[in-house]
């Protein structure tokens, strides 16, 4: 009978990739990558939030003047010829030419908060004109709509009212930091306009001050500056 021999055993040495040390190294690299991603996300969120408080230091009077100039330009394009004195007697009925201001807000680290920024404000100008017939309002709004679209403003809403409905035009630019709005009420022949400029820090703000900054002045008379 043939002699029995012991079967040959083949032993395979463990590869480096399967060793405990290689597993730990892989986990270590993965953890470092994850930490890096988290840090990048946190930095991006923080920079986006904190950037909202990095505002220019501008006096309220200067920002109010900027808002007024936006209204003045629109008034010229609309083609209105009547001067509008500063102030308002009866909101929604009489003529209006006024400044206003509001707080500016910061969303916090994750953009989920809603807190005011000390010393920050946004200035606006509002105006209104009574006794505006369709013969003035309709061509004026159409002309203004085209003019603003051609000059870098994003039209967010525009409607030509029919059957007595209101006409309106809303525009913005700079990511919505600068806005204008216009509405004509045909049933009352009443036209309103407004301009809001970006937030700024009041250089004169002091700790303990209450309320948003306000322009220490009345608007100039809103009047046509172009002859046509």
C-alpha atoms as a PDB file:
ATOM      1  CA  UNK A   1       0.000   0.000   0.000  1.00  0.00           C
ATOM      2  CA  UNK A   2       1.249   3.451  -0.712  1.00  0.00           C
ATOM      3  CA  UNK A   3       2.690   5.278   2.220  1.00  0.00           C
ATOM      4  CA  UNK A   4       0.419   7.928   3.642  1.00  0.00           C
ATOM      5  CA  UNK A   5       1.883  11.353   3.875  1.00  0.00           C
ATOM      6  CA  UNK A   6       0.709  14.299   5.954  1.00  0.00           C
ATOM      7  CA  UNK A   7      -1.141  16.839   3.797  1.00  0.00           C
ATOM      8  CA  UNK A   8       0.750  19.967   3.098  1.00  0.00           C
ATOM      9  CA  UNK A   9      -0.622  22.993   4.976  1.00  0.00           C
ATOM     10  CA  UNK A  10      -0.313  26.389   3.437  1.00  0.00           C
ATOM     11  CA  UNK A  11      -0.193  29.303   5.854  1.00  0.00           C
ATOM     12  CA  UNK A  12      -0.959  32.781   4.525  1.00  0.00           C
ATOM     13  CA  UNK A  13       0.467  35.664   6.452  1.00  0.00           C
ATOM     14  CA  UNK A  14      -2.044  38.372   7.283  1.00  0.00           C
ATOM     15  CA  UNK A  15      -1.807  41.303   4.947  1.00  0.00           C
ATOM     16  CA  UNK A  16      -1.032  44.779   6.259  1.00  0.00           C
ATOM     17  CA  UNK A  17      -4.464  46.048   5.282  1.00  0.00           C
ATOM     18  CA  UNK A  18      -6.147  43.605   7.601  1.00  0.00           C
ATOM     19  CA  UNK A  19      -3.952  44.196  10.612  1.00  0.00           C
ATOM     20  CA  UNK A  20      -5.299  46.023  13.650  1.00  0.00           C
ATOM     21  CA  UNK A  21      -2.828  48.816  13.151  1.00  0.00           C
ATOM     22  CA  UNK A  22      -4.006  49.418   9.579  1.00  0.00           C
ATOM     23  CA  UNK A  23      -7.644  49.532  10.742  1.00  0.00           C
ATOM     24  CA  UNK A  24      -6.779  52.115  13.367  1.00  0.00           C
ATOM     25  CA  UNK A  25      -4.882  54.149  10.822  1.00  0.00           C
ATOM     26  CA  UNK A  26      -7.879  54.051   8.474  1.00  0.00           C
ATOM     27  CA  UNK A  27     -10.208  55.121  11.246  1.00  0.00           C
ATOM     28  CA  UNK A  28      -7.831  57.871  12.199  1.00  0.00           C
ATOM     29  CA  UNK A  29      -7.765  59.263   8.676  1.00  0.00           C
ATOM     30  CA  UNK A  30     -11.538  59.090   8.466  1.00  0.00           C
ATOM     31  CA  UNK A  31     -11.956  60.897  11.763  1.00  0.00           C
ATOM     32  CA  UNK A  32      -9.537  63.607  10.737  1.00  0.00           C
ATOM     33  CA  UNK A  33     -11.398  64.070   7.464  1.00  0.00           C
ATOM     34  CA  UNK A  34     -14.733  64.288   9.281  1.00  0.00           C
ATOM     35  CA  UNK A  35     -13.359  66.809  11.749  1.00  0.00           C
ATOM     36  CA  UNK A  36     -12.003  68.861   8.866  1.00  0.00           C
ATOM     37  CA  UNK A  37     -15.376  68.883   7.126  1.00  0.00           C
ATOM     38  CA  UNK A  38     -17.144  69.899  10.317  1.00  0.00           C
ATOM     39  CA  UNK A  39     -14.695  72.728  10.877  1.00  0.00           C
ATOM     40  CA  UNK A  40     -15.168  74.010   7.342  1.00  0.00           C
ATOM     41  CA  UNK A  41     -18.956  73.965   7.739  1.00  0.00           C
ATOM     42  CA  UNK A  42     -18.760  75.790  11.057  1.00  0.00           C
ATOM     43  CA  UNK A  43     -16.445  78.419   9.621  1.00  0.00           C
ATOM     44  CA  UNK A  44     -18.727  78.965   6.632  1.00  0.00           C
ATOM     45  CA  UNK A  45     -21.798  79.274   8.827  1.00  0.00           C
ATOM     46  CA  UNK A  46     -20.039  81.609  11.195  1.00  0.00           C
ATOM     47  CA  UNK A  47     -18.653  83.803   8.455  1.00  0.00           C
ATOM     48  CA  UNK A  48     -22.059  84.044   6.805  1.00  0.00           C
ATOM     49  CA  UNK A  49     -23.654  85.072  10.069  1.00  0.00           C
ATOM     50  CA  UNK A  50     -20.988  87.371  11.418  1.00  0.00           C
ATOM     51  CA  UNK A  51     -20.662  89.021   8.021  1.00  0.00           C
ATOM     52  CA  UNK A  52     -24.171  90.391   8.484  1.00  0.00           C
ATOM     53  CA  UNK A  53     -22.903  92.597  11.322  1.00  0.00           C
ATOM     54  CA  UNK A  54     -19.917  93.904   9.378  1.00  0.00           C
ATOM     55  CA  UNK A  55     -21.799  96.966   8.185  1.00  0.00           C
ATOM     56  CA  UNK A  56     -20.471 100.308   6.950  1.00  0.00           C
ATOM     57  CA  UNK A  57     -20.477 103.162   9.444  1.00  0.00           C
ATOM     58  CA  UNK A  58     -22.678 105.782   7.840  1.00  0.00           C
ATOM     59  CA  UNK A  59     -24.688 108.592   9.406  1.00  0.00           C
ATOM     60  CA  UNK A  60     -28.479 108.154   9.169  1.00  0.00           C
ATOM     61  CA  UNK A  61     -28.775 111.468   7.325  1.00  0.00           C
ATOM     62  CA  UNK A  62     -26.542 110.162   4.535  1.00  0.00           C
ATOM     63  CA  UNK A  63     -28.493 106.921   4.145  1.00  0.00           C
ATOM     64  CA  UNK A  64     -31.774 108.865   4.225  1.00  0.00           C
ATOM     65  CA  UNK A  65     -30.467 111.056   1.420  1.00  0.00           C
ATOM     66  CA  UNK A  66     -29.621 107.950  -0.574  1.00  0.00           C
ATOM     67  CA  UNK A  67     -33.154 106.603  -0.126  1.00  0.00           C
ATOM     68  CA  UNK A  68     -34.616 109.952  -1.159  1.00  0.00           C
ATOM     69  CA  UNK A  69     -32.527 109.982  -4.331  1.00  0.00           C
ATOM     70  CA  UNK A  70     -33.953 106.588  -5.292  1.00  0.00           C
ATOM     71  CA  UNK A  71     -37.466 108.007  -4.946  1.00  0.00           C
ATOM     72  CA  UNK A  72     -36.493 111.155  -6.822  1.00  0.00           C
ATOM     73  CA  UNK A  73     -35.177 109.159  -9.784  1.00  0.00           C
ATOM     74  CA  UNK A  74     -38.363 107.074  -9.910  1.00  0.00           C
ATOM     75  CA  UNK A  75     -40.522 110.202  -9.639  1.00  0.00           C
ATOM     76  CA  UNK A  76     -38.793 111.653 -12.690  1.00  0.00           C
ATOM     77  CA  UNK A  77     -39.276 108.484 -14.743  1.00  0.00           C
ATOM     78  CA  UNK A  78     -42.940 108.296 -13.744  1.00  0.00           C
ATOM     79  CA  UNK A  79     -43.362 111.765 -15.202  1.00  0.00           C
ATOM     80  CA  UNK A  80     -45.192 113.390 -12.302  1.00  0.00           C
ATOM     81  CA  UNK A  81     -44.950 117.191 -12.270  1.00  0.00           C
ATOM     82  CA  UNK A  82     -46.464 118.161  -8.907  1.00  0.00           C
ATOM     83  CA  UNK A  83     -44.174 118.971  -5.973  1.00  0.00           C
ATOM     84  CA  UNK A  84     -44.736 116.963  -2.792  1.00  0.00           C
ATOM     85  CA  UNK A  85     -43.939 118.823   0.432  1.00  0.00           C
ATOM     86  CA  UNK A  86     -42.300 117.075   3.392  1.00  0.00           C
ATOM     87  CA  UNK A  87     -44.589 115.414   5.906  1.00  0.00           C
ATOM     88  CA  UNK A  88     -48.011 113.755   5.820  1.00  0.00           C
ATOM     89  CA  UNK A  89     -51.424 114.874   7.066  1.00  0.00           C
ATOM     90  CA  UNK A  90     -53.549 111.778   6.561  1.00  0.00           C
ATOM     91  CA  UNK A  91     -51.771 108.505   5.729  1.00  0.00           C
ATOM     92  CA  UNK A  92     -53.395 106.746   2.799  1.00  0.00           C
ATOM     93  CA  UNK A  93     -55.340 109.826   1.769  1.00  0.00           C
ATOM     94  CA  UNK A  94     -53.139 112.914   1.526  1.00  0.00           C
ATOM     95  CA  UNK A  95     -49.754 113.409  -0.109  1.00  0.00           C
ATOM     96  CA  UNK A  96     -46.757 112.033   1.791  1.00  0.00           C
ATOM     97  CA  UNK A  97     -43.018 112.635   1.849  1.00  0.00           C
ATOM     98  CA  UNK A  98     -41.388 111.097   4.929  1.00  0.00           C
ATOM     99  CA  UNK A  99     -38.341 109.231   6.215  1.00  0.00           C
ATOM    100  CA  UNK A 100     -38.499 106.077   8.322  1.00  0.00           C
ATOM    101  CA  UNK A 101     -36.067 103.637   9.910  1.00  0.00           C
ATOM    102  CA  UNK A 102     -36.104 100.060  11.190  1.00  0.00           C
ATOM    103  CA  UNK A 103     -33.836  97.705  13.117  1.00  0.00           C
ATOM    104  CA  UNK A 104     -31.407  95.382  11.389  1.00  0.00           C
ATOM    105  CA  UNK A 105     -31.220  91.733  12.450  1.00  0.00           C
ATOM    106  CA  UNK A 106     -28.557  89.054  12.773  1.00  0.00           C
ATOM    107  CA  UNK A 107     -29.400  85.380  12.341  1.00  0.00           C
ATOM    108  CA  UNK A 108     -26.701  84.202  14.752  1.00  0.00           C
ATOM    109  CA  UNK A 109     -24.106  81.463  14.274  1.00  0.00           C
ATOM    110  CA  UNK A 110     -26.464  79.052  12.510  1.00  0.00           C
ATOM    111  CA  UNK A 111     -28.736  81.670  10.983  1.00  0.00           C
ATOM    112  CA  UNK A 112     -31.599  80.568  13.239  1.00  0.00           C
ATOM    113  CA  UNK A 113     -31.712  83.509  15.625  1.00  0.00           C
ATOM    114  CA  UNK A 114     -33.601  86.749  15.181  1.00  0.00           C
ATOM    115  CA  UNK A 115     -31.798  89.394  17.194  1.00  0.00           C
ATOM    116  CA  UNK A 116     -31.226  93.064  16.526  1.00  0.00           C
ATOM    117  CA  UNK A 117     -27.747  94.398  15.895  1.00  0.00           C
ATOM    118  CA  UNK A 118     -26.859  97.232  18.262  1.00  0.00           C
ATOM    119  CA  UNK A 119     -26.391 100.477  16.390  1.00  0.00           C
ATOM    120  CA  UNK A 120     -27.524  99.061  13.043  1.00  0.00           C
ATOM    121  CA  UNK A 121     -30.433 100.563  11.137  1.00  0.00           C
ATOM    122  CA  UNK A 122     -32.086 100.595   7.718  1.00  0.00           C
ATOM    123  CA  UNK A 123     -33.396 103.875   6.354  1.00  0.00           C
ATOM    124  CA  UNK A 124     -36.378 104.256   4.027  1.00  0.00           C
ATOM    125  CA  UNK A 125     -38.264 107.001   2.210  1.00  0.00           C
ATOM    126  CA  UNK A 126     -42.004 106.928   1.555  1.00  0.00           C
ATOM    127  CA  UNK A 127     -44.052 109.159  -0.667  1.00  0.00           C
ATOM    128  CA  UNK A 128     -47.593 109.368  -1.998  1.00  0.00           C
ATOM    129  CA  UNK A 129     -49.547 111.455  -4.470  1.00  0.00           C
ATOM    130  CA  UNK A 130     -53.310 111.902  -4.607  1.00  0.00           C
ATOM    131  CA  UNK A 131     -55.532 112.637  -7.600  1.00  0.00           C
ATOM    132  CA  UNK A 132     -53.466 110.525 -10.033  1.00  0.00           C
ATOM    133  CA  UNK A 133     -55.624 109.491 -13.013  1.00  0.00           C
ATOM    134  CA  UNK A 134     -55.036 106.454 -15.202  1.00  0.00           C
ATOM    135  CA  UNK A 135     -53.677 108.660 -17.970  1.00  0.00           C
ATOM    136  CA  UNK A 136     -50.674 109.414 -15.728  1.00  0.00           C
ATOM    137  CA  UNK A 137     -50.315 106.254 -13.641  1.00  0.00           C
ATOM    138  CA  UNK A 138     -50.561 103.605 -16.366  1.00  0.00           C
ATOM    139  CA  UNK A 139     -47.923 104.885 -18.821  1.00  0.00           C
ATOM    140  CA  UNK A 140     -45.759 105.999 -15.912  1.00  0.00           C
ATOM    141  CA  UNK A 141     -45.658 102.585 -14.261  1.00  0.00           C
ATOM    142  CA  UNK A 142     -45.006 100.825 -17.545  1.00  0.00           C
ATOM    143  CA  UNK A 143     -42.151 103.213 -18.274  1.00  0.00           C
ATOM    144  CA  UNK A 144     -40.695 102.796 -14.777  1.00  0.00           C
ATOM    145  CA  UNK A 145     -40.954  98.999 -14.981  1.00  0.00           C
ATOM    146  CA  UNK A 146     -38.867  98.949 -18.146  1.00  0.00           C
ATOM    147  CA  UNK A 147     -36.420 101.564 -16.867  1.00  0.00           C
ATOM    148  CA  UNK A 148     -35.623  99.717 -13.646  1.00  0.00           C
ATOM    149  CA  UNK A 149     -35.281  96.347 -15.389  1.00  0.00           C
ATOM    150  CA  UNK A 150     -32.824  97.935 -17.825  1.00  0.00           C
ATOM    151  CA  UNK A 151     -30.748  99.446 -15.018  1.00  0.00           C
ATOM    152  CA  UNK A 152     -29.824  96.477 -12.863  1.00  0.00           C
ATOM    153  CA  UNK A 153     -32.942  96.117 -10.726  1.00  0.00           C
ATOM    154  CA  UNK A 154     -34.577  92.708 -10.324  1.00  0.00           C
ATOM    155  CA  UNK A 155     -38.341  92.887 -10.773  1.00  0.00           C
ATOM    156  CA  UNK A 156     -39.774  90.636  -8.069  1.00  0.00           C
ATOM    157  CA  UNK A 157     -43.419  91.434  -8.748  1.00  0.00           C
ATOM    158  CA  UNK A 158     -45.321  93.436 -11.340  1.00  0.00           C
ATOM    159  CA  UNK A 159     -49.023  93.574 -12.085  1.00  0.00           C
ATOM    160  CA  UNK A 160     -51.049  95.655 -14.463  1.00  0.00           C
ATOM    161  CA  UNK A 161     -54.418  95.762 -12.794  1.00  0.00           C
ATOM    162  CA  UNK A 162     -57.565  95.072 -14.771  1.00  0.00           C
ATOM    163  CA  UNK A 163     -61.226  95.552 -13.878  1.00  0.00           C
ATOM    164  CA  UNK A 164     -60.341  98.124 -11.240  1.00  0.00           C
ATOM    165  CA  UNK A 165     -57.642  96.074  -9.508  1.00  0.00           C
ATOM    166  CA  UNK A 166     -54.543  97.737  -8.083  1.00  0.00           C
ATOM    167  CA  UNK A 167     -51.364  98.143 -10.112  1.00  0.00           C
ATOM    168  CA  UNK A 168     -48.018  97.458  -8.421  1.00  0.00           C
ATOM    169  CA  UNK A 169     -44.295  97.127  -9.038  1.00  0.00           C
ATOM    170  CA  UNK A 170     -41.699  95.702  -6.621  1.00  0.00           C
ATOM    171  CA  UNK A 171     -37.967  95.640  -7.362  1.00  0.00           C
ATOM    172  CA  UNK A 172     -34.738  94.888  -5.518  1.00  0.00           C
ATOM    173  CA  UNK A 173     -30.992  94.569  -5.990  1.00  0.00           C
ATOM    174  CA  UNK A 174     -27.847  93.726  -3.999  1.00  0.00           C
ATOM    175  CA  UNK A 175     -29.460  90.513  -2.815  1.00  0.00           C
ATOM    176  CA  UNK A 176     -32.559  92.320  -1.598  1.00  0.00           C
ATOM    177  CA  UNK A 177     -30.696  94.804   0.606  1.00  0.00           C
ATOM    178  CA  UNK A 178     -32.012  97.648  -1.541  1.00  0.00           C
ATOM    179  CA  UNK A 179     -35.692  97.697  -2.487  1.00  0.00           C
ATOM    180  CA  UNK A 180     -38.353  99.891  -4.053  1.00  0.00           C
ATOM    181  CA  UNK A 181     -42.110  99.498  -4.307  1.00  0.00           C
ATOM    182  CA  UNK A 182     -44.872 101.339  -6.153  1.00  0.00           C
ATOM    183  CA  UNK A 183     -48.656 100.925  -6.044  1.00  0.00           C
ATOM    184  CA  UNK A 184     -51.504 102.709  -7.795  1.00  0.00           C
ATOM    185  CA  UNK A 185     -55.062 102.423  -6.466  1.00  0.00           C
ATOM    186  CA  UNK A 186     -57.363 103.220  -9.391  1.00  0.00           C
ATOM    187  CA  UNK A 187     -60.516 103.433  -7.286  1.00  0.00           C
ATOM    188  CA  UNK A 188     -58.975 106.257  -5.245  1.00  0.00           C
ATOM    189  CA  UNK A 189     -56.560 107.577  -7.869  1.00  0.00           C
ATOM    190  CA  UNK A 190     -53.865 107.280  -5.215  1.00  0.00           C
ATOM    191  CA  UNK A 191     -50.219 106.493  -5.971  1.00  0.00           C
ATOM    192  CA  UNK A 192     -47.596 105.397  -3.411  1.00  0.00           C
ATOM    193  CA  UNK A 193     -43.876 104.804  -3.676  1.00  0.00           C
ATOM    194  CA  UNK A 194     -41.058 103.833  -1.356  1.00  0.00           C
ATOM    195  CA  UNK A 195     -37.342 103.094  -1.268  1.00  0.00           C
ATOM    196  CA  UNK A 196     -35.321 101.185   1.337  1.00  0.00           C
ATOM    197  CA  UNK A 197     -31.516 101.221   1.417  1.00  0.00           C
ATOM    198  CA  UNK A 198     -29.091  98.677   2.982  1.00  0.00           C
ATOM    199  CA  UNK A 199     -28.318  98.464   6.690  1.00  0.00           C
ATOM    200  CA  UNK A 200     -25.547 100.568   8.189  1.00  0.00           C
ATOM    201  CA  UNK A 201     -24.050 101.287  11.618  1.00  0.00           C
ATOM    202  CA  UNK A 202     -24.812 104.639  13.215  1.00  0.00           C
ATOM    203  CA  UNK A 203     -21.424 106.166  14.183  1.00  0.00           C
ATOM    204  CA  UNK A 204     -23.139 108.103  16.966  1.00  0.00           C
ATOM    205  CA  UNK A 205     -24.734 105.040  18.573  1.00  0.00           C
ATOM    206  CA  UNK A 206     -24.080 104.637  22.302  1.00  0.00           C
ATOM    207  CA  UNK A 207     -24.780 101.729  24.636  1.00  0.00           C
ATOM    208  CA  UNK A 208     -28.188 102.211  26.145  1.00  0.00           C
ATOM    209  CA  UNK A 209     -29.722 103.938  23.137  1.00  0.00           C
ATOM    210  CA  UNK A 210     -33.224 102.684  22.415  1.00  0.00           C
ATOM    211  CA  UNK A 211     -34.791 102.254  19.001  1.00  0.00           C
ATOM    212  CA  UNK A 212     -33.269 102.377  15.523  1.00  0.00           C
ATOM    213  CA  UNK A 213     -31.351 105.399  14.350  1.00  0.00           C
ATOM    214  CA  UNK A 214     -33.384 108.160  12.732  1.00  0.00           C
ATOM    215  CA  UNK A 215     -32.437 110.867  10.269  1.00  0.00           C
ATOM    216  CA  UNK A 216     -32.382 114.215  12.046  1.00  0.00           C
ATOM    217  CA  UNK A 217     -34.000 116.036   9.163  1.00  0.00           C
ATOM    218  CA  UNK A 218     -37.102 116.279   7.017  1.00  0.00           C
ATOM    219  CA  UNK A 219     -36.972 115.167   3.391  1.00  0.00           C
ATOM    220  CA  UNK A 220     -36.525 117.787   0.700  1.00  0.00           C
ATOM    221  CA  UNK A 221     -39.514 118.641  -1.470  1.00  0.00           C
ATOM    222  CA  UNK A 222     -40.096 115.820  -3.938  1.00  0.00           C
ATOM    223  CA  UNK A 223     -40.319 117.567  -7.266  1.00  0.00           C
ATOM    224  CA  UNK A 224     -39.483 116.837 -10.916  1.00  0.00           C
ATOM    225  CA  UNK A 225     -35.849 117.501 -11.738  1.00  0.00           C
ATOM    226  CA  UNK A 226     -36.077 116.715 -15.447  1.00  0.00           C
ATOM    227  CA  UNK A 227     -37.910 118.674 -18.066  1.00  0.00           C
ATOM    228  CA  UNK A 228     -39.609 116.856 -20.848  1.00  0.00           C
END
